Structure formats: C-alpha cells, structure tokens
C-alpha cells in the first residue's frame, strides 16, 4: 500500500496548509463510494512535528487523490475545480448542500468548500442543455443549478 504503483497515471495532488487530514475526512463523508488509501507521516523533526501526517492518499467515487500538509505558501484558486456530475436534482441538492457548508456559493453551479477548493455541481445533461441560448442565460443567473428551470429555458 505504501507505493504509487497501483495509482492511476494522473492523480490530483492537493496542497493544504496543515488540515489535509480534516479535509480528507470531510470528503470521505460527502462521497459515499470513498476510502482512505494510505498516508505518510513525517519522520524528521525538521519537517514539523515528528509523526505528523504529511500526505494522505484517498479515493472519491473511484478517483484517486493525494492531500499534502504543505504549509501556508499556496492557496486554492478557481483556476482548478472538480466537476461532480449529477443524474438528478436530488444529487445536485445533496452535493451542493454538503460541499458548500462553511464555504461559499459562487455562480453557474460553482462553489468553494470550507477548505477553499472549487467544485462544479452539475447535471449530467448540462452540456446539451446549454447549447440552447436561453438555457445558457438561465444558468448564468443561477448559483445552485435547477435542472427543471434549465430544461424549461432550453425548450422555450
């Protein structure tokens, strides 16, 4: 388990200040098909408190990630976001509620979670719906996406 050999070739690596473990535990509660895979603890006092979590590998719905306690030098920006494809309004509502708690609602299905990481909570039909100009206009006015409203706009 202590190797990258079984990981996908490309894996998102997330830099947290000192709360990577808290973030991973939070994400594991949001995504049902998830698990903690492995972790590396510091062995040297020069890297911080000896025995402190340095990295944690985890999986959310089949996607492998690694979280790092890297310090305060870097922060998340909207330049990187994770898309959560939802098959129903119930799923949109669930992920929106869980991931925006303690964070902020942005626009067009985007939010920032309490750790500053950006997510897009979108219906799986969104690419087809926003091909219609009125549906695109409707989406631009929304924070959390309303599938029924997008469908109405696409048909008008």
N, C-alpha and C. Protein backbone atom coordinates (compact mmCIF):
# COMPACT_ATOMS: atom_id res chain seq x y z
N UNK A 1 0.80 -1.20 0.00
CA UNK A 1 0.00 0.00 0.00
C UNK A 1 0.84 1.27 0.00
N UNK A 2 2.09 1.22 0.39
CA UNK A 2 2.91 2.42 0.50
C UNK A 2 3.59 2.81 -0.78
N UNK A 3 2.96 2.64 -1.92
CA UNK A 3 3.57 2.95 -3.19
C UNK A 3 2.55 3.56 -4.15
N UNK A 4 3.06 4.29 -5.14
CA UNK A 4 2.18 4.89 -6.15
C UNK A 4 1.90 3.92 -7.30
N UNK A 5 2.50 2.72 -7.28
CA UNK A 5 2.39 1.80 -8.41
C UNK A 5 0.96 1.44 -8.75
N UNK A 6 0.07 1.36 -7.78
CA UNK A 6 -1.31 0.96 -8.05
C UNK A 6 -2.23 2.16 -8.31
N UNK A 7 -1.69 3.37 -8.31
CA UNK A 7 -2.48 4.56 -8.56
C UNK A 7 -2.62 4.78 -10.06
N UNK A 8 -3.67 5.52 -10.48
CA UNK A 8 -3.76 5.91 -11.90
C UNK A 8 -2.53 6.74 -12.28
N UNK A 9 -2.21 6.77 -13.55
CA UNK A 9 -1.04 7.52 -14.01
C UNK A 9 -1.12 9.00 -13.62
N UNK A 10 -2.32 9.59 -13.74
CA UNK A 10 -2.52 11.01 -13.40
C UNK A 10 -3.43 11.07 -12.18
N UNK A 11 -2.96 11.70 -11.12
CA UNK A 11 -3.71 11.81 -9.87
C UNK A 11 -3.64 13.24 -9.36
N UNK A 12 -4.78 13.88 -9.06
CA UNK A 12 -4.73 15.22 -8.47
C UNK A 12 -4.01 15.20 -7.12
N UNK A 13 -3.17 16.19 -6.90
CA UNK A 13 -2.38 16.33 -5.68
C UNK A 13 -2.78 17.67 -5.07
N UNK A 14 -3.40 17.66 -3.90
CA UNK A 14 -3.98 18.85 -3.30
C UNK A 14 -3.13 19.37 -2.14
N UNK A 15 -2.73 20.62 -2.21
CA UNK A 15 -1.86 21.24 -1.20
C UNK A 15 -2.72 21.96 -0.18
N UNK A 16 -2.70 21.48 1.04
CA UNK A 16 -3.39 22.13 2.16
C UNK A 16 -2.33 22.75 3.07
N UNK A 17 -2.74 23.66 3.92
CA UNK A 17 -1.82 24.28 4.88
C UNK A 17 -1.41 23.21 5.90
N UNK A 18 -2.29 22.90 6.84
CA UNK A 18 -1.98 21.90 7.86
C UNK A 18 -3.21 21.05 8.18
N UNK A 19 -4.26 21.16 7.37
CA UNK A 19 -5.52 20.48 7.68
C UNK A 19 -5.91 19.43 6.62
N UNK A 20 -4.92 18.81 6.00
CA UNK A 20 -5.20 17.80 4.98
C UNK A 20 -6.02 16.65 5.55
N UNK A 21 -5.70 16.22 6.75
CA UNK A 21 -6.42 15.09 7.34
C UNK A 21 -7.89 15.44 7.59
N UNK A 22 -8.14 16.65 8.08
CA UNK A 22 -9.51 17.12 8.30
C UNK A 22 -10.27 17.17 6.97
N UNK A 23 -9.62 17.67 5.93
CA UNK A 23 -10.25 17.78 4.61
C UNK A 23 -10.58 16.39 4.07
N UNK A 24 -9.65 15.46 4.16
CA UNK A 24 -9.89 14.11 3.65
C UNK A 24 -11.06 13.47 4.39
N UNK A 25 -11.08 13.59 5.70
CA UNK A 25 -12.18 13.01 6.48
C UNK A 25 -13.51 13.62 6.05
N UNK A 26 -13.53 14.93 5.80
CA UNK A 26 -14.75 15.59 5.34
C UNK A 26 -15.18 15.04 3.98
N UNK A 27 -14.27 14.98 3.01
CA UNK A 27 -14.62 14.49 1.68
C UNK A 27 -15.12 13.05 1.72
N UNK A 28 -14.54 12.23 2.60
CA UNK A 28 -14.97 10.83 2.72
C UNK A 28 -16.41 10.73 3.21
N UNK A 29 -16.88 11.73 3.98
CA UNK A 29 -18.27 11.70 4.44
C UNK A 29 -19.23 12.18 3.34
N UNK A 30 -18.75 12.99 2.40
CA UNK A 30 -19.60 13.54 1.35
C UNK A 30 -19.84 12.52 0.24
N UNK A 31 -18.79 11.84 -0.17
CA UNK A 31 -18.87 10.90 -1.29
C UNK A 31 -18.99 9.49 -0.75
N UNK A 32 -20.10 8.82 -1.08
CA UNK A 32 -20.41 7.52 -0.49
C UNK A 32 -19.42 6.43 -0.86
N UNK A 33 -18.99 6.37 -2.09
CA UNK A 33 -18.09 5.33 -2.55
C UNK A 33 -16.64 5.82 -2.41
N UNK A 34 -16.18 5.94 -1.17
CA UNK A 34 -14.89 6.57 -0.92
C UNK A 34 -14.11 5.82 0.15
N UNK A 35 -12.80 6.03 0.16
CA UNK A 35 -11.98 5.39 1.18
C UNK A 35 -10.61 6.06 1.28
N UNK A 36 -10.05 5.95 2.45
CA UNK A 36 -8.68 6.41 2.69
C UNK A 36 -7.78 5.27 2.25
N UNK A 37 -6.74 5.58 1.50
CA UNK A 37 -5.87 4.54 0.96
C UNK A 37 -4.58 4.38 1.76
N UNK A 38 -3.89 5.46 2.00
CA UNK A 38 -2.57 5.37 2.62
C UNK A 38 -2.17 6.74 3.11
N UNK A 39 -1.13 6.77 3.91
CA UNK A 39 -0.62 8.05 4.38
C UNK A 39 0.85 7.95 4.70
N UNK A 40 1.51 9.10 4.70
CA UNK A 40 2.92 9.18 5.07
C UNK A 40 3.02 10.17 6.21
N UNK A 41 3.68 9.76 7.27
CA UNK A 41 3.91 10.64 8.42
C UNK A 41 5.35 11.13 8.40
N UNK A 42 5.57 12.32 8.94
CA UNK A 42 6.93 12.86 9.00
C UNK A 42 7.76 12.01 9.95
N UNK A 43 9.01 11.81 9.57
CA UNK A 43 9.90 11.04 10.43
C UNK A 43 11.03 11.92 10.96
N UNK A 44 11.05 13.16 10.51
CA UNK A 44 12.14 14.07 10.85
C UNK A 44 11.56 15.33 11.50
N UNK A 45 12.11 15.75 12.60
CA UNK A 45 11.64 16.96 13.27
C UNK A 45 11.82 18.21 12.42
N UNK A 46 12.70 18.18 11.40
CA UNK A 46 12.90 19.34 10.53
C UNK A 46 11.67 19.61 9.67
N UNK A 47 10.84 18.60 9.44
CA UNK A 47 9.65 18.76 8.60
C UNK A 47 8.43 19.16 9.41
N UNK A 48 8.60 19.44 10.66
CA UNK A 48 7.47 19.75 11.53
C UNK A 48 7.45 18.73 12.65
N UNK A 49 6.38 18.67 13.35
CA UNK A 49 6.28 17.73 14.47
C UNK A 49 6.45 16.30 13.96
N UNK A 50 7.36 15.57 14.56
CA UNK A 50 7.61 14.19 14.17
C UNK A 50 6.32 13.37 14.31
N UNK A 51 6.02 12.57 13.30
CA UNK A 51 4.82 11.74 13.33
C UNK A 51 3.57 12.41 12.80
N UNK A 52 3.70 13.67 12.38
CA UNK A 52 2.54 14.39 11.83
C UNK A 52 2.26 13.91 10.40
N UNK A 53 0.97 13.90 10.02
CA UNK A 53 0.61 13.48 8.67
C UNK A 53 1.20 14.45 7.65
N UNK A 54 1.93 13.89 6.67
CA UNK A 54 2.48 14.71 5.60
C UNK A 54 1.60 14.58 4.35
N UNK A 55 1.30 13.34 3.93
CA UNK A 55 0.42 13.12 2.79
C UNK A 55 -0.60 12.03 3.12
N UNK A 56 -1.75 12.11 2.46
CA UNK A 56 -2.80 11.11 2.60
C UNK A 56 -3.34 10.82 1.20
N UNK A 57 -3.30 9.55 0.82
CA UNK A 57 -3.93 9.13 -0.43
C UNK A 57 -5.35 8.71 -0.11
N UNK A 58 -6.29 9.10 -0.99
CA UNK A 58 -7.68 8.74 -0.77
C UNK A 58 -8.40 8.64 -2.11
N UNK A 59 -9.58 8.04 -2.07
CA UNK A 59 -10.35 7.83 -3.28
C UNK A 59 -11.77 8.32 -3.07
N UNK A 60 -12.26 9.11 -4.02
CA UNK A 60 -13.64 9.60 -4.01
C UNK A 60 -14.32 9.07 -5.26
N UNK A 61 -15.28 8.18 -5.08
CA UNK A 61 -16.03 7.63 -6.21
C UNK A 61 -15.13 7.13 -7.33
N UNK A 62 -14.06 6.45 -6.99
CA UNK A 62 -13.16 5.87 -7.99
C UNK A 62 -12.02 6.77 -8.42
N UNK A 63 -12.03 8.05 -8.05
CA UNK A 63 -10.96 8.98 -8.41
C UNK A 63 -9.96 9.06 -7.26
N UNK A 64 -8.70 8.76 -7.55
CA UNK A 64 -7.65 8.82 -6.54
C UNK A 64 -7.11 10.24 -6.42
N UNK A 65 -6.88 10.67 -5.19
CA UNK A 65 -6.30 11.97 -4.87
C UNK A 65 -5.18 11.77 -3.85
N UNK A 66 -4.32 12.75 -3.73
CA UNK A 66 -3.37 12.81 -2.62
C UNK A 66 -3.49 14.20 -2.01
N UNK A 67 -3.56 14.24 -0.68
CA UNK A 67 -3.60 15.52 0.05
C UNK A 67 -2.27 15.68 0.77
N UNK A 68 -1.75 16.89 0.77
CA UNK A 68 -0.46 17.21 1.39
C UNK A 68 -0.64 18.32 2.41
N UNK A 69 -0.06 18.15 3.57
CA UNK A 69 0.07 19.26 4.53
C UNK A 69 1.34 20.00 4.13
N UNK A 70 1.21 21.00 3.27
CA UNK A 70 2.37 21.65 2.69
C UNK A 70 2.73 22.99 3.30
N UNK A 71 1.86 23.53 4.15
CA UNK A 71 2.13 24.84 4.73
C UNK A 71 1.31 25.92 4.05
N UNK A 72 1.44 27.16 4.54
CA UNK A 72 0.58 28.26 4.11
C UNK A 72 1.00 28.97 2.81
N UNK A 73 2.03 28.49 2.12
CA UNK A 73 2.56 29.23 0.96
C UNK A 73 1.58 29.32 -0.21
N UNK A 74 0.76 28.29 -0.42
CA UNK A 74 -0.12 28.27 -1.58
C UNK A 74 -1.57 28.06 -1.16
N UNK A 75 -2.47 28.68 -1.91
CA UNK A 75 -3.91 28.57 -1.66
C UNK A 75 -4.58 28.06 -2.93
N UNK A 76 -5.74 27.45 -2.78
CA UNK A 76 -6.52 27.02 -3.93
C UNK A 76 -7.10 28.25 -4.63
N UNK A 77 -7.25 28.16 -5.95
CA UNK A 77 -7.94 29.20 -6.71
C UNK A 77 -8.98 28.53 -7.61
N UNK A 78 -9.82 29.34 -8.21
CA UNK A 78 -10.84 28.84 -9.13
C UNK A 78 -10.23 28.30 -10.43
N UNK A 79 -8.93 28.51 -10.63
CA UNK A 79 -8.28 28.01 -11.84
C UNK A 79 -8.34 26.49 -11.92
N UNK A 80 -8.53 25.83 -10.79
CA UNK A 80 -8.71 24.38 -10.75
C UNK A 80 -10.00 24.09 -9.99
N UNK A 81 -10.83 23.24 -10.57
CA UNK A 81 -12.06 22.84 -9.89
C UNK A 81 -12.34 21.38 -10.23
N UNK A 82 -13.17 20.76 -9.42
CA UNK A 82 -13.59 19.39 -9.66
C UNK A 82 -15.07 19.38 -9.99
N UNK A 83 -15.42 18.67 -11.06
CA UNK A 83 -16.80 18.59 -11.52
C UNK A 83 -17.43 17.35 -10.91
N UNK A 84 -18.60 17.53 -10.31
CA UNK A 84 -19.39 16.41 -9.80
C UNK A 84 -20.61 16.30 -10.69
N UNK A 85 -20.65 15.24 -11.50
CA UNK A 85 -21.76 15.01 -12.42
C UNK A 85 -22.92 14.39 -11.65
N UNK A 86 -24.08 14.99 -11.78
CA UNK A 86 -25.26 14.56 -11.02
C UNK A 86 -26.36 14.11 -11.98
N UNK A 87 -27.01 13.01 -11.64
CA UNK A 87 -28.06 12.46 -12.51
C UNK A 87 -29.45 12.94 -12.14
N UNK A 88 -29.58 13.69 -11.04
CA UNK A 88 -30.90 14.16 -10.62
C UNK A 88 -30.76 15.46 -9.83
N UNK A 89 -31.89 16.16 -9.67
CA UNK A 89 -31.89 17.36 -8.83
C UNK A 89 -31.56 17.00 -7.39
N UNK A 90 -32.00 15.84 -6.96
CA UNK A 90 -31.70 15.37 -5.60
C UNK A 90 -30.19 15.27 -5.37
N UNK A 91 -29.46 14.75 -6.36
CA UNK A 91 -28.00 14.68 -6.25
C UNK A 91 -27.38 16.08 -6.26
N UNK A 92 -27.87 16.95 -7.14
CA UNK A 92 -27.37 18.33 -7.17
C UNK A 92 -27.56 18.96 -5.79
N UNK A 93 -28.75 18.82 -5.24
CA UNK A 93 -29.05 19.40 -3.92
C UNK A 93 -28.15 18.83 -2.84
N UNK A 94 -27.94 17.51 -2.85
CA UNK A 94 -27.11 16.84 -1.84
C UNK A 94 -25.68 17.36 -1.87
N UNK A 95 -25.04 17.28 -3.05
CA UNK A 95 -23.63 17.69 -3.13
C UNK A 95 -23.46 19.19 -2.89
N UNK A 96 -24.43 19.99 -3.37
CA UNK A 96 -24.37 21.43 -3.15
C UNK A 96 -24.42 21.73 -1.65
N UNK A 97 -25.36 21.11 -0.97
CA UNK A 97 -25.53 21.34 0.46
C UNK A 97 -24.29 20.92 1.24
N UNK A 98 -23.78 19.74 0.97
CA UNK A 98 -22.62 19.20 1.72
C UNK A 98 -21.36 20.00 1.44
N UNK A 99 -21.06 20.25 0.17
CA UNK A 99 -19.78 20.87 -0.18
C UNK A 99 -19.77 22.38 0.05
N UNK A 100 -20.92 23.04 -0.01
CA UNK A 100 -20.93 24.49 0.22
C UNK A 100 -20.98 24.85 1.70
N UNK A 101 -21.30 23.87 2.57
CA UNK A 101 -21.40 24.13 4.02
C UNK A 101 -20.07 24.68 4.55
N UNK A 102 -20.11 25.89 5.10
CA UNK A 102 -18.90 26.52 5.61
C UNK A 102 -18.05 27.16 4.53
N UNK A 103 -18.48 27.03 3.27
CA UNK A 103 -17.75 27.63 2.15
C UNK A 103 -18.56 28.76 1.55
N UNK A 104 -18.58 28.83 0.23
CA UNK A 104 -19.35 29.90 -0.41
C UNK A 104 -19.93 29.42 -1.73
N UNK A 105 -21.15 29.90 -2.01
CA UNK A 105 -21.81 29.63 -3.28
C UNK A 105 -21.30 30.66 -4.28
N UNK A 106 -20.98 30.22 -5.47
CA UNK A 106 -20.45 31.15 -6.46
C UNK A 106 -21.52 31.36 -7.52
N UNK A 107 -21.36 30.85 -8.71
CA UNK A 107 -22.30 31.07 -9.81
C UNK A 107 -22.20 29.91 -10.77
N UNK A 108 -23.28 29.65 -11.51
CA UNK A 108 -23.28 28.66 -12.58
C UNK A 108 -22.94 27.26 -12.10
N UNK A 109 -23.37 26.92 -10.88
CA UNK A 109 -23.10 25.60 -10.35
C UNK A 109 -21.75 25.45 -9.66
N UNK A 110 -21.04 26.57 -9.49
CA UNK A 110 -19.73 26.53 -8.84
C UNK A 110 -19.88 26.90 -7.37
N UNK A 111 -19.02 26.30 -6.55
CA UNK A 111 -18.95 26.66 -5.13
C UNK A 111 -17.52 26.46 -4.66
N UNK A 112 -17.23 27.07 -3.52
CA UNK A 112 -15.96 26.83 -2.83
C UNK A 112 -16.29 26.16 -1.52
N UNK A 113 -15.60 25.06 -1.21
CA UNK A 113 -15.86 24.40 0.05
C UNK A 113 -15.12 25.11 1.19
N UNK A 114 -15.29 24.62 2.40
CA UNK A 114 -14.70 25.29 3.57
C UNK A 114 -13.18 25.27 3.58
N UNK A 115 -12.56 24.50 2.69
CA UNK A 115 -11.10 24.46 2.58
C UNK A 115 -10.60 25.34 1.43
N UNK A 116 -11.55 25.97 0.69
CA UNK A 116 -11.18 26.85 -0.42
C UNK A 116 -11.10 26.15 -1.76
N UNK A 117 -11.40 24.85 -1.81
CA UNK A 117 -11.35 24.09 -3.05
C UNK A 117 -12.63 24.33 -3.86
N UNK A 118 -12.49 24.54 -5.16
CA UNK A 118 -13.64 24.83 -6.04
C UNK A 118 -14.22 23.55 -6.63
N UNK A 119 -15.55 23.51 -6.64
CA UNK A 119 -16.31 22.38 -7.19
C UNK A 119 -17.37 22.90 -8.14
N UNK A 120 -17.68 22.13 -9.15
CA UNK A 120 -18.80 22.40 -10.05
C UNK A 120 -19.81 21.26 -9.86
N UNK A 121 -20.98 21.59 -9.38
CA UNK A 121 -22.03 20.60 -9.15
C UNK A 121 -23.01 20.73 -10.29
N UNK A 122 -22.95 19.81 -11.25
CA UNK A 122 -23.68 19.99 -12.50
C UNK A 122 -24.50 18.76 -12.89
N UNK A 123 -25.67 19.00 -13.49
CA UNK A 123 -26.44 17.88 -14.01
C UNK A 123 -25.70 17.26 -15.20
N UNK A 124 -25.82 15.95 -15.35
CA UNK A 124 -25.11 15.26 -16.44
C UNK A 124 -25.57 15.76 -17.81
N UNK A 125 -26.79 16.29 -17.90
CA UNK A 125 -27.33 16.80 -19.17
C UNK A 125 -26.89 18.23 -19.48
N UNK A 126 -26.13 18.86 -18.61
CA UNK A 126 -25.81 20.28 -18.79
C UNK A 126 -25.20 20.62 -20.15
N UNK A 127 -24.24 19.87 -20.67
CA UNK A 127 -23.67 20.25 -21.98
C UNK A 127 -24.72 20.35 -23.08
N UNK A 128 -25.69 19.43 -23.09
CA UNK A 128 -26.76 19.51 -24.10
C UNK A 128 -27.70 20.67 -23.83
N UNK A 129 -28.04 20.90 -22.57
CA UNK A 129 -28.98 21.97 -22.23
C UNK A 129 -28.44 23.35 -22.61
N UNK A 130 -27.18 23.61 -22.30
CA UNK A 130 -26.65 24.97 -22.53
C UNK A 130 -26.29 25.24 -23.98
N UNK A 131 -26.52 24.27 -24.86
CA UNK A 131 -26.41 24.56 -26.29
C UNK A 131 -27.51 25.53 -26.72
N UNK A 132 -28.59 25.57 -25.93
CA UNK A 132 -29.70 26.48 -26.18
C UNK A 132 -29.39 27.81 -25.49
N UNK A 133 -29.37 28.92 -26.23
CA UNK A 133 -29.00 30.22 -25.66
C UNK A 133 -29.81 30.61 -24.42
N UNK A 134 -31.12 30.31 -24.41
CA UNK A 134 -31.93 30.69 -23.25
C UNK A 134 -31.56 29.87 -22.02
N UNK A 135 -31.18 28.63 -22.21
CA UNK A 135 -30.74 27.80 -21.08
C UNK A 135 -29.39 28.32 -20.56
N UNK A 136 -28.52 28.72 -21.46
CA UNK A 136 -27.24 29.30 -21.05
C UNK A 136 -27.48 30.58 -20.25
N UNK A 137 -28.38 31.43 -20.73
CA UNK A 137 -28.73 32.65 -19.99
C UNK A 137 -29.29 32.33 -18.62
N UNK A 138 -30.16 31.34 -18.55
CA UNK A 138 -30.76 30.94 -17.26
C UNK A 138 -29.67 30.46 -16.30
N UNK A 139 -28.73 29.65 -16.82
CA UNK A 139 -27.65 29.14 -15.97
C UNK A 139 -26.80 30.29 -15.40
N UNK A 140 -26.57 31.29 -16.21
CA UNK A 140 -25.73 32.42 -15.77
C UNK A 140 -26.36 33.17 -14.59
N UNK A 141 -27.67 33.04 -14.41
CA UNK A 141 -28.37 33.72 -13.31
C UNK A 141 -28.43 32.87 -12.04
N UNK A 142 -28.01 31.61 -12.13
CA UNK A 142 -28.15 30.69 -11.00
C UNK A 142 -26.85 30.54 -10.23
N UNK A 143 -26.98 30.18 -8.98
CA UNK A 143 -25.85 29.68 -8.20
C UNK A 143 -25.96 28.16 -8.26
N UNK A 144 -26.79 27.55 -7.38
CA UNK A 144 -27.06 26.12 -7.49
C UNK A 144 -27.93 25.92 -8.72
N UNK A 145 -27.61 24.93 -9.54
CA UNK A 145 -28.34 24.72 -10.78
C UNK A 145 -29.67 24.01 -10.54
N UNK A 146 -30.70 24.50 -11.22
CA UNK A 146 -32.06 23.96 -11.15
C UNK A 146 -32.33 23.29 -12.49
N UNK A 147 -32.32 21.96 -12.49
CA UNK A 147 -32.46 21.20 -13.74
C UNK A 147 -33.79 21.52 -14.45
N UNK A 148 -34.89 21.54 -13.70
CA UNK A 148 -36.20 21.81 -14.32
C UNK A 148 -36.23 23.17 -14.98
N UNK A 149 -35.66 24.16 -14.33
CA UNK A 149 -35.63 25.52 -14.90
C UNK A 149 -34.75 25.56 -16.14
N UNK A 150 -33.64 24.86 -16.14
CA UNK A 150 -32.76 24.80 -17.32
C UNK A 150 -33.47 24.11 -18.48
N UNK A 151 -34.20 23.04 -18.17
CA UNK A 151 -34.97 22.33 -19.21
C UNK A 151 -36.06 23.22 -19.80
N UNK A 152 -36.76 23.96 -18.93
CA UNK A 152 -37.80 24.90 -19.42
C UNK A 152 -37.19 25.94 -20.35
N UNK A 153 -36.05 26.49 -19.94
CA UNK A 153 -35.39 27.53 -20.74
C UNK A 153 -34.94 26.95 -22.08
N UNK A 154 -34.44 25.72 -22.07
CA UNK A 154 -33.96 25.09 -23.31
C UNK A 154 -35.11 24.85 -24.29
N UNK A 155 -36.31 24.63 -23.78
CA UNK A 155 -37.46 24.34 -24.63
C UNK A 155 -38.21 25.60 -25.08
N UNK A 156 -37.85 26.75 -24.52
CA UNK A 156 -38.59 27.97 -24.87
C UNK A 156 -38.04 28.65 -26.12
